[in-house]
PDB file of all heavy atoms in Angstrom:
ATOM      1  N   ARG A   1      34.442  19.131  -0.776  1.00  0.00           N
ATOM      2  CA  ARG A   1      34.275  19.516  -2.174  1.00  0.00           C
ATOM      3  C   ARG A   1      33.035  18.884  -2.802  1.00  0.00           C
ATOM      4  O   ARG A   1      32.641  19.243  -3.899  1.00  0.00           O
ATOM      5  CB  ARG A   1      35.507  19.126  -2.980  1.00  0.00           C
ATOM      6  CG  ARG A   1      36.706  20.020  -2.727  1.00  0.00           C
ATOM      7  CD  ARG A   1      37.807  19.749  -3.727  1.00  0.00           C
ATOM      8  NE  ARG A   1      38.408  18.443  -3.563  1.00  0.00           N
ATOM      9  CZ  ARG A   1      39.536  18.206  -2.912  1.00  0.00           C
ATOM     10  NH1 ARG A   1      40.200  19.194  -2.371  1.00  0.00           N
ATOM     11  NH2 ARG A   1      40.015  16.987  -2.805  1.00  0.00           N
ATOM     12  N   THR A   2      32.422  17.907  -2.105  1.00  0.00           N
ATOM     13  CA  THR A   2      31.237  17.227  -2.617  1.00  0.00           C
ATOM     14  C   THR A   2      30.010  17.774  -1.906  1.00  0.00           C
ATOM     15  O   THR A   2      29.914  17.716  -0.690  1.00  0.00           O
ATOM     16  CB  THR A   2      31.339  15.703  -2.348  1.00  0.00           C
ATOM     17  OG1 THR A   2      32.532  15.208  -2.930  1.00  0.00           O
ATOM     18  CG2 THR A   2      30.146  14.984  -2.915  1.00  0.00           C
ATOM     19  N   ASP A   3      29.080  18.323  -2.674  1.00  0.00           N
ATOM     20  CA  ASP A   3      27.853  18.841  -2.085  1.00  0.00           C
ATOM     21  C   ASP A   3      26.758  18.836  -3.142  1.00  0.00           C
ATOM     22  O   ASP A   3      27.042  18.933  -4.334  1.00  0.00           O
ATOM     23  CB  ASP A   3      28.063  20.257  -1.541  1.00  0.00           C
ATOM     24  CG  ASP A   3      27.049  20.624  -0.480  1.00  0.00           C
ATOM     25  OD1 ASP A   3      26.212  19.779  -0.102  1.00  0.00           O
ATOM     26  OD2 ASP A   3      27.088  21.774  -0.017  1.00  0.00           O
ATOM     27  N   PHE A   4      25.529  18.713  -2.694  1.00  0.00           N
ATOM     28  CA  PHE A   4      24.401  18.720  -3.613  1.00  0.00           C
ATOM     29  C   PHE A   4      23.179  19.257  -2.896  1.00  0.00           C
ATOM     30  O   PHE A   4      23.178  19.398  -1.678  1.00  0.00           O
ATOM     31  CB  PHE A   4      24.126  17.311  -4.166  1.00  0.00           C
ATOM     32  CG  PHE A   4      23.554  16.358  -3.154  1.00  0.00           C
ATOM     33  CD1 PHE A   4      22.188  16.082  -3.136  1.00  0.00           C
ATOM     34  CD2 PHE A   4      24.351  15.735  -2.217  1.00  0.00           C
ATOM     35  CE1 PHE A   4      21.653  15.205  -2.208  1.00  0.00           C
ATOM     36  CE2 PHE A   4      23.824  14.859  -1.288  1.00  0.00           C
ATOM     37  CZ  PHE A   4      22.461  14.593  -1.275  1.00  0.00           C
ATOM     38  N   ALA A   5      22.159  19.570  -3.668  1.00  0.00           N
ATOM     39  CA  ALA A   5      20.909  20.082  -3.105  1.00  0.00           C
ATOM     40  C   ALA A   5      19.741  19.458  -3.846  1.00  0.00           C
ATOM     41  O   ALA A   5      19.838  19.163  -5.040  1.00  0.00           O
ATOM     42  CB  ALA A   5      20.859  21.603  -3.227  1.00  0.00           C
ATOM     43  N   ILE A   6      18.647  19.260  -3.120  1.00  0.00           N
ATOM     44  CA  ILE A   6      17.387  18.856  -3.736  1.00  0.00           C
ATOM     45  C   ILE A   6      16.645  20.153  -4.019  1.00  0.00           C
ATOM     46  O   ILE A   6      16.326  20.894  -3.094  1.00  0.00           O
ATOM     47  CB  ILE A   6      16.575  17.944  -2.790  1.00  0.00           C
ATOM     48  CG1 ILE A   6      17.405  16.735  -2.365  1.00  0.00           C
ATOM     49  CG2 ILE A   6      15.273  17.508  -3.455  1.00  0.00           C
ATOM     50  CD1 ILE A   6      16.768  15.902  -1.260  1.00  0.00           C
ATOM     51  N   ILE A   7      16.398  20.440  -5.293  1.00  0.00           N
ATOM     52  CA  ILE A   7      15.910  21.772  -5.657  1.00  0.00           C
ATOM     53  C   ILE A   7      14.443  21.791  -6.089  1.00  0.00           C
ATOM     54  O   ILE A   7      14.008  22.740  -6.738  1.00  0.00           O
ATOM     55  CB  ILE A   7      16.812  22.410  -6.736  1.00  0.00           C
ATOM     56  CG1 ILE A   7      16.857  21.560  -7.999  1.00  0.00           C
ATOM     57  CG2 ILE A   7      18.205  22.648  -6.186  1.00  0.00           C
ATOM     58  CD1 ILE A   7      17.561  22.229  -9.164  1.00  0.00           C
ATOM     59  N   ASN A   8      13.669  20.792  -5.707  1.00  0.00           N
ATOM     60  CA  ASN A   8      12.235  20.784  -6.040  1.00  0.00           C
ATOM     61  C   ASN A   8      11.485  21.874  -5.291  1.00  0.00           C
ATOM     62  O   ASN A   8      11.895  22.304  -4.214  1.00  0.00           O
ATOM     63  CB  ASN A   8      11.607  19.447  -5.641  1.00  0.00           C
ATOM     64  CG  ASN A   8      11.918  18.352  -6.604  1.00  0.00           C
ATOM     65  OD1 ASN A   8      13.063  17.934  -6.681  1.00  0.00           O
ATOM     66  ND2 ASN A   8      10.914  17.886  -7.316  1.00  0.00           N
ATOM     67  N   ASP A   9      10.343  22.266  -5.848  1.00  0.00           N
ATOM     68  CA  ASP A   9       9.372  23.079  -5.137  1.00  0.00           C
ATOM     69  C   ASP A   9       8.629  22.118  -4.208  1.00  0.00           C
ATOM     70  O   ASP A   9       7.953  21.206  -4.683  1.00  0.00           O
ATOM     71  CB  ASP A   9       8.416  23.724  -6.142  1.00  0.00           C
ATOM     72  CG  ASP A   9       7.277  24.475  -5.478  1.00  0.00           C
ATOM     73  OD1 ASP A   9       7.240  24.554  -4.233  1.00  0.00           O
ATOM     74  OD2 ASP A   9       6.414  24.986  -6.220  1.00  0.00           O
ATOM     75  N   PRO A  10       8.756  22.269  -2.900  1.00  0.00           N
ATOM     76  CA  PRO A  10       8.134  21.301  -1.992  1.00  0.00           C
ATOM     77  C   PRO A  10       6.606  21.283  -2.039  1.00  0.00           C
ATOM     78  O   PRO A  10       5.981  20.346  -1.572  1.00  0.00           O
ATOM     79  CB  PRO A  10       8.629  21.719  -0.609  1.00  0.00           C
ATOM     80  CG  PRO A  10       9.194  23.067  -0.752  1.00  0.00           C
ATOM     81  CD  PRO A  10       9.506  23.292  -2.193  1.00  0.00           C
ATOM     82  N   GLN A  11       6.009  22.285  -2.635  1.00  0.00           N
ATOM     83  CA  GLN A  11       4.547  22.332  -2.759  1.00  0.00           C
ATOM     84  C   GLN A  11       4.061  21.706  -4.061  1.00  0.00           C
ATOM     85  O   GLN A  11       2.852  21.548  -4.251  1.00  0.00           O
ATOM     86  CB  GLN A  11       4.057  23.788  -2.706  1.00  0.00           C
ATOM     87  CG  GLN A  11       4.545  24.575  -1.515  1.00  0.00           C
ATOM     88  CD  GLN A  11       4.014  24.050  -0.191  1.00  0.00           C
ATOM     89  OE1 GLN A  11       2.886  23.605  -0.116  1.00  0.00           O
ATOM     90  NE2 GLN A  11       4.855  24.063   0.829  1.00  0.00           N
ATOM     91  N   ASN A  12       4.989  21.387  -4.973  1.00  0.00           N
ATOM     92  CA  ASN A  12       4.583  20.934  -6.300  1.00  0.00           C
ATOM     93  C   ASN A  12       5.571  19.889  -6.817  1.00  0.00           C
ATOM     94  O   ASN A  12       6.420  20.181  -7.655  1.00  0.00           O
ATOM     95  CB  ASN A  12       4.507  22.137  -7.246  1.00  0.00           C
ATOM     96  CG  ASN A  12       3.908  21.781  -8.573  1.00  0.00           C
ATOM     97  OD1 ASN A  12       3.265  20.752  -8.734  1.00  0.00           O
ATOM     98  ND2 ASN A  12       4.150  22.637  -9.555  1.00  0.00           N
ATOM     99  N   ILE A  13       5.466  18.661  -6.353  1.00  0.00           N
ATOM    100  CA  ILE A  13       6.342  17.574  -6.788  1.00  0.00           C
ATOM    101  C   ILE A  13       5.738  16.961  -8.056  1.00  0.00           C
ATOM    102  O   ILE A  13       4.590  16.529  -8.043  1.00  0.00           O
ATOM    103  CB  ILE A  13       6.487  16.502  -5.688  1.00  0.00           C
ATOM    104  CG1 ILE A  13       7.062  17.116  -4.415  1.00  0.00           C
ATOM    105  CG2 ILE A  13       7.327  15.328  -6.173  1.00  0.00           C
ATOM    106  CD1 ILE A  13       8.441  17.697  -4.537  1.00  0.00           C
ATOM    107  N   PRO A  14       6.507  16.921  -9.150  1.00  0.00           N
ATOM    108  CA  PRO A  14       5.977  16.323 -10.378  1.00  0.00           C
ATOM    109  C   PRO A  14       5.682  14.832 -10.192  1.00  0.00           C
ATOM    110  O   PRO A  14       6.505  14.082  -9.662  1.00  0.00           O
ATOM    111  CB  PRO A  14       7.103  16.517 -11.394  1.00  0.00           C
ATOM    112  CG  PRO A  14       7.959  17.604 -10.840  1.00  0.00           C
ATOM    113  CD  PRO A  14       7.836  17.498  -9.357  1.00  0.00           C
ATOM    114  N   VAL A  15       4.506  14.407 -10.621  1.00  0.00           N
ATOM    115  CA  VAL A  15       4.116  13.003 -10.548  1.00  0.00           C
ATOM    116  C   VAL A  15       3.439  12.625 -11.855  1.00  0.00           C
ATOM    117  O   VAL A  15       2.716  13.426 -12.453  1.00  0.00           O
ATOM    118  CB  VAL A  15       3.200  12.719  -9.330  1.00  0.00           C
ATOM    119  CG1 VAL A  15       1.920  13.514  -9.408  1.00  0.00           C
ATOM    120  CG2 VAL A  15       2.916  11.241  -9.182  1.00  0.00           C
ATOM    121  N   SER A  16       3.716  11.415 -12.313  1.00  0.00           N
ATOM    122  CA  SER A  16       3.070  10.926 -13.529  1.00  0.00           C
ATOM    123  C   SER A  16       2.627   9.488 -13.296  1.00  0.00           C
ATOM    124  O   SER A  16       3.134   8.802 -12.417  1.00  0.00           O
ATOM    125  CB  SER A  16       4.028  11.009 -14.725  1.00  0.00           C
ATOM    126  OG  SER A  16       5.158  10.192 -14.499  1.00  0.00           O
ATOM    127  N   GLY A  17       1.666   9.061 -14.087  1.00  0.00           N
ATOM    128  CA  GLY A  17       1.163   7.696 -13.998  1.00  0.00           C
ATOM    129  C   GLY A  17      -0.037   7.583 -13.087  1.00  0.00           C
ATOM    130  O   GLY A  17      -0.317   8.448 -12.267  1.00  0.00           O
ATOM    131  N   THR A  18      -0.764   6.494 -13.287  1.00  0.00           N
ATOM    132  CA  THR A  18      -1.944   6.215 -12.462  1.00  0.00           C
ATOM    133  C   THR A  18      -1.773   4.885 -11.745  1.00  0.00           C
ATOM    134  O   THR A  18      -2.726   4.293 -11.287  1.00  0.00           O
ATOM    135  CB  THR A  18      -3.205   6.179 -13.338  1.00  0.00           C
ATOM    136  OG1 THR A  18      -3.037   5.202 -14.378  1.00  0.00           O
ATOM    137  CG2 THR A  18      -3.479   7.548 -13.946  1.00  0.00           C
ATOM    138  N   GLY A  19      -0.610   4.403 -11.642  1.00  0.00           N
ATOM    139  CA  GLY A  19      -0.278   3.155 -10.976  1.00  0.00           C
ATOM    140  C   GLY A  19       0.472   2.258 -11.949  1.00  0.00           C
ATOM    141  O   GLY A  19      -0.152   1.735 -12.839  1.00  0.00           O
ATOM    142  N   PRO A  20       1.780   2.169 -11.838  1.00  0.00           N
ATOM    143  CA  PRO A  20       2.598   2.790 -10.796  1.00  0.00           C
ATOM    144  C   PRO A  20       2.732   4.313 -10.979  1.00  0.00           C
ATOM    145  O   PRO A  20       2.512   4.837 -12.053  1.00  0.00           O
ATOM    146  CB  PRO A  20       3.951   2.102 -10.946  1.00  0.00           C
ATOM    147  CG  PRO A  20       4.000   1.641 -12.359  1.00  0.00           C
ATOM    148  CD  PRO A  20       2.581   1.349 -12.765  1.00  0.00           C
ATOM    149  N   TYR A  21       3.114   4.949  -9.892  1.00  0.00           N
ATOM    150  CA  TYR A  21       3.266   6.403  -9.853  1.00  0.00           C
ATOM    151  C   TYR A  21       4.753   6.738  -9.872  1.00  0.00           C
ATOM    152  O   TYR A  21       5.540   6.124  -9.154  1.00  0.00           O
ATOM    153  CB  TYR A  21       2.625   6.978  -8.593  1.00  0.00           C
ATOM    154  CG  TYR A  21       1.139   6.727  -8.543  1.00  0.00           C
ATOM    155  CD1 TYR A  21       0.630   5.551  -7.989  1.00  0.00           C
ATOM    156  CD2 TYR A  21       0.241   7.650  -9.060  1.00  0.00           C
ATOM    157  CE1 TYR A  21      -0.732   5.309  -7.953  1.00  0.00           C
ATOM    158  CE2 TYR A  21      -1.117   7.411  -9.030  1.00  0.00           C
ATOM    159  CZ  TYR A  21      -1.608   6.243  -8.477  1.00  0.00           C
ATOM    160  OH  TYR A  21      -2.954   6.006  -8.457  1.00  0.00           O
ATOM    161  N   THR A  22       5.126   7.721 -10.678  1.00  0.00           N
ATOM    162  CA  THR A  22       6.525   8.132 -10.771  1.00  0.00           C
ATOM    163  C   THR A  22       6.650   9.579 -10.300  1.00  0.00           C
ATOM    164  O   THR A  22       6.064  10.483 -10.884  1.00  0.00           O
ATOM    165  CB  THR A  22       7.044   7.994 -12.215  1.00  0.00           C
ATOM    166  OG1 THR A  22       6.901   6.637 -12.632  1.00  0.00           O
ATOM    167  CG2 THR A  22       8.508   8.392 -12.302  1.00  0.00           C
ATOM    168  N   TYR A  23       7.427   9.761  -9.236  1.00  0.00           N
ATOM    169  CA  TYR A  23       7.685  11.083  -8.662  1.00  0.00           C
ATOM    170  C   TYR A  23       9.068  11.530  -9.107  1.00  0.00           C
ATOM    171  O   TYR A  23      10.018  10.749  -9.098  1.00  0.00           O
ATOM    172  CB  TYR A  23       7.614  11.030  -7.135  1.00  0.00           C
ATOM    173  CG  TYR A  23       6.241  10.641  -6.633  1.00  0.00           C
ATOM    174  CD1 TYR A  23       5.908   9.297  -6.441  1.00  0.00           C
ATOM    175  CD2 TYR A  23       5.280  11.602  -6.380  1.00  0.00           C
ATOM    176  CE1 TYR A  23       4.651   8.933  -5.998  1.00  0.00           C
ATOM    177  CE2 TYR A  23       4.021  11.248  -5.931  1.00  0.00           C
ATOM    178  CZ  TYR A  23       3.707   9.914  -5.754  1.00  0.00           C
ATOM    179  OH  TYR A  23       2.456   9.571  -5.319  1.00  0.00           O
ATOM    180  N   THR A  24       9.194  12.799  -9.502  1.00  0.00           N
ATOM    181  CA  THR A  24      10.462  13.319 -10.010  1.00  0.00           C
ATOM    182  C   THR A  24      11.055  14.316  -9.017  1.00  0.00           C
ATOM    183  O   THR A  24      10.394  15.271  -8.611  1.00  0.00           O
ATOM    184  CB  THR A  24      10.261  14.000 -11.378  1.00  0.00           C
ATOM    185  OG1 THR A  24       9.704  13.046 -12.283  1.00  0.00           O
ATOM    186  CG2 THR A  24      11.583  14.503 -11.932  1.00  0.00           C
ATOM    187  N   PHE A  25      12.317  14.069  -8.655  1.00  0.00           N
ATOM    188  CA  PHE A  25      13.054  14.957  -7.750  1.00  0.00           C
ATOM    189  C   PHE A  25      14.300  15.446  -8.478  1.00  0.00           C
ATOM    190  O   PHE A  25      15.002  14.676  -9.122  1.00  0.00           O
ATOM    191  CB  PHE A  25      13.432  14.217  -6.461  1.00  0.00           C
ATOM    192  CG  PHE A  25      12.238  13.783  -5.671  1.00  0.00           C
ATOM    193  CD1 PHE A  25      11.699  12.506  -5.838  1.00  0.00           C
ATOM    194  CD2 PHE A  25      11.616  14.648  -4.793  1.00  0.00           C
ATOM    195  CE1 PHE A  25      10.584  12.110  -5.131  1.00  0.00           C
ATOM    196  CE2 PHE A  25      10.498  14.262  -4.075  1.00  0.00           C
ATOM    197  CZ  PHE A  25       9.974  12.983  -4.247  1.00  0.00           C
ATOM    198  N   TYR A  26      14.565  16.748  -8.374  1.00  0.00           N
ATOM    199  CA  TYR A  26      15.691  17.373  -9.058  1.00  0.00           C
ATOM    200  C   TYR A  26      16.854  17.543  -8.075  1.00  0.00           C
ATOM    201  O   TYR A  26      16.690  18.076  -6.988  1.00  0.00           O
ATOM    202  CB  TYR A  26      15.284  18.728  -9.637  1.00  0.00           C
ATOM    203  CG  TYR A  26      14.216  18.592 -10.696  1.00  0.00           C
ATOM    204  CD1 TYR A  26      12.872  18.785 -10.378  1.00  0.00           C
ATOM    205  CD2 TYR A  26      14.552  18.241 -11.997  1.00  0.00           C
ATOM    206  CE1 TYR A  26      11.891  18.636 -11.348  1.00  0.00           C
ATOM    207  CE2 TYR A  26      13.570  18.099 -12.968  1.00  0.00           C
ATOM    208  CZ  TYR A  26      12.242  18.287 -12.637  1.00  0.00           C
ATOM    209  OH  TYR A  26      11.271  18.133 -13.586  1.00  0.00           O
ATOM    210  N   ILE A  27      18.019  17.098  -8.520  1.00  0.00           N
ATOM    211  CA  ILE A  27      19.233  17.163  -7.706  1.00  0.00           C
ATOM    212  C   ILE A  27      20.242  18.040  -8.439  1.00  0.00           C
ATOM    213  O   ILE A  27      20.497  17.842  -9.632  1.00  0.00           O
ATOM    214  CB  ILE A  27      19.844  15.747  -7.512  1.00  0.00           C
ATOM    215  CG1 ILE A  27      18.808  14.768  -6.973  1.00  0.00           C
ATOM    216  CG2 ILE A  27      21.090  15.816  -6.640  1.00  0.00           C
ATOM    217  CD1 ILE A  27      18.256  15.117  -5.620  1.00  0.00           C
ATOM    218  N   LYS A  28      20.819  19.017  -7.727  1.00  0.00           N
ATOM    219  CA  LYS A  28      21.848  19.881  -8.314  1.00  0.00           C
ATOM    220  C   LYS A  28      23.166  19.652  -7.588  1.00  0.00           C
ATOM    221  O   LYS A  28      23.223  19.685  -6.361  1.00  0.00           O
ATOM    222  CB  LYS A  28      21.453  21.358  -8.227  1.00  0.00           C
ATOM    223  CG  LYS A  28      22.474  22.258  -8.890  1.00  0.00           C
ATOM    224  CD  LYS A  28      22.018  23.694  -8.971  1.00  0.00           C
ATOM    225  CE  LYS A  28      23.050  24.509  -9.731  1.00  0.00           C
ATOM    226  NZ  LYS A  28      22.612  25.875  -9.927  1.00  0.00           N
ATOM    227  N   ASN A  29      24.207  19.413  -8.365  1.00  0.00           N
ATOM    228  CA  ASN A  29      25.555  19.282  -7.811  1.00  0.00           C
ATOM    229  C   ASN A  29      26.079  20.688  -7.544  1.00  0.00           C
ATOM    230  O   ASN A  29      26.395  21.422  -8.474  1.00  0.00           O
ATOM    231  CB  ASN A  29      26.463  18.529  -8.789  1.00  0.00           C
ATOM    232  CG  ASN A  29      27.864  18.342  -8.255  1.00  0.00           C
ATOM    233  OD1 ASN A  29      28.222  18.857  -7.205  1.00  0.00           O
ATOM    234  ND2 ASN A  29      28.671  17.604  -8.991  1.00  0.00           N
ATOM    235  N   ILE A  30      26.143  21.092  -6.278  1.00  0.00           N
ATOM    236  CA  ILE A  30      26.640  22.429  -5.934  1.00  0.00           C
ATOM    237  C   ILE A  30      28.061  22.375  -5.389  1.00  0.00           C
ATOM    238  O   ILE A  30      28.578  23.354  -4.870  1.00  0.00           O
ATOM    239  CB  ILE A  30      25.695  23.134  -4.935  1.00  0.00           C
ATOM    240  CG1 ILE A  30      25.512  22.311  -3.668  1.00  0.00           C
ATOM    241  CG2 ILE A  30      24.360  23.429  -5.581  1.00  0.00           C
ATOM    242  CD1 ILE A  30      24.721  23.007  -2.579  1.00  0.00           C
ATOM    243  N   GLY A  31      28.708  21.204  -5.534  1.00  0.00           N
ATOM    244  CA  GLY A  31      30.084  21.048  -5.087  1.00  0.00           C
ATOM    245  C   GLY A  31      31.071  21.301  -6.213  1.00  0.00           C
ATOM    246  O   GLY A  31      30.710  21.732  -7.311  1.00  0.00           O
TER     247      GLY A  31
END
């Protein structure tokens, strides 16, 4: 009953900052 997916566009990962760098990954609960 527990399931999830990483739903980012693998060609376009959101990143912010110039050091440190923050990468954003989207997780969807599909369970």
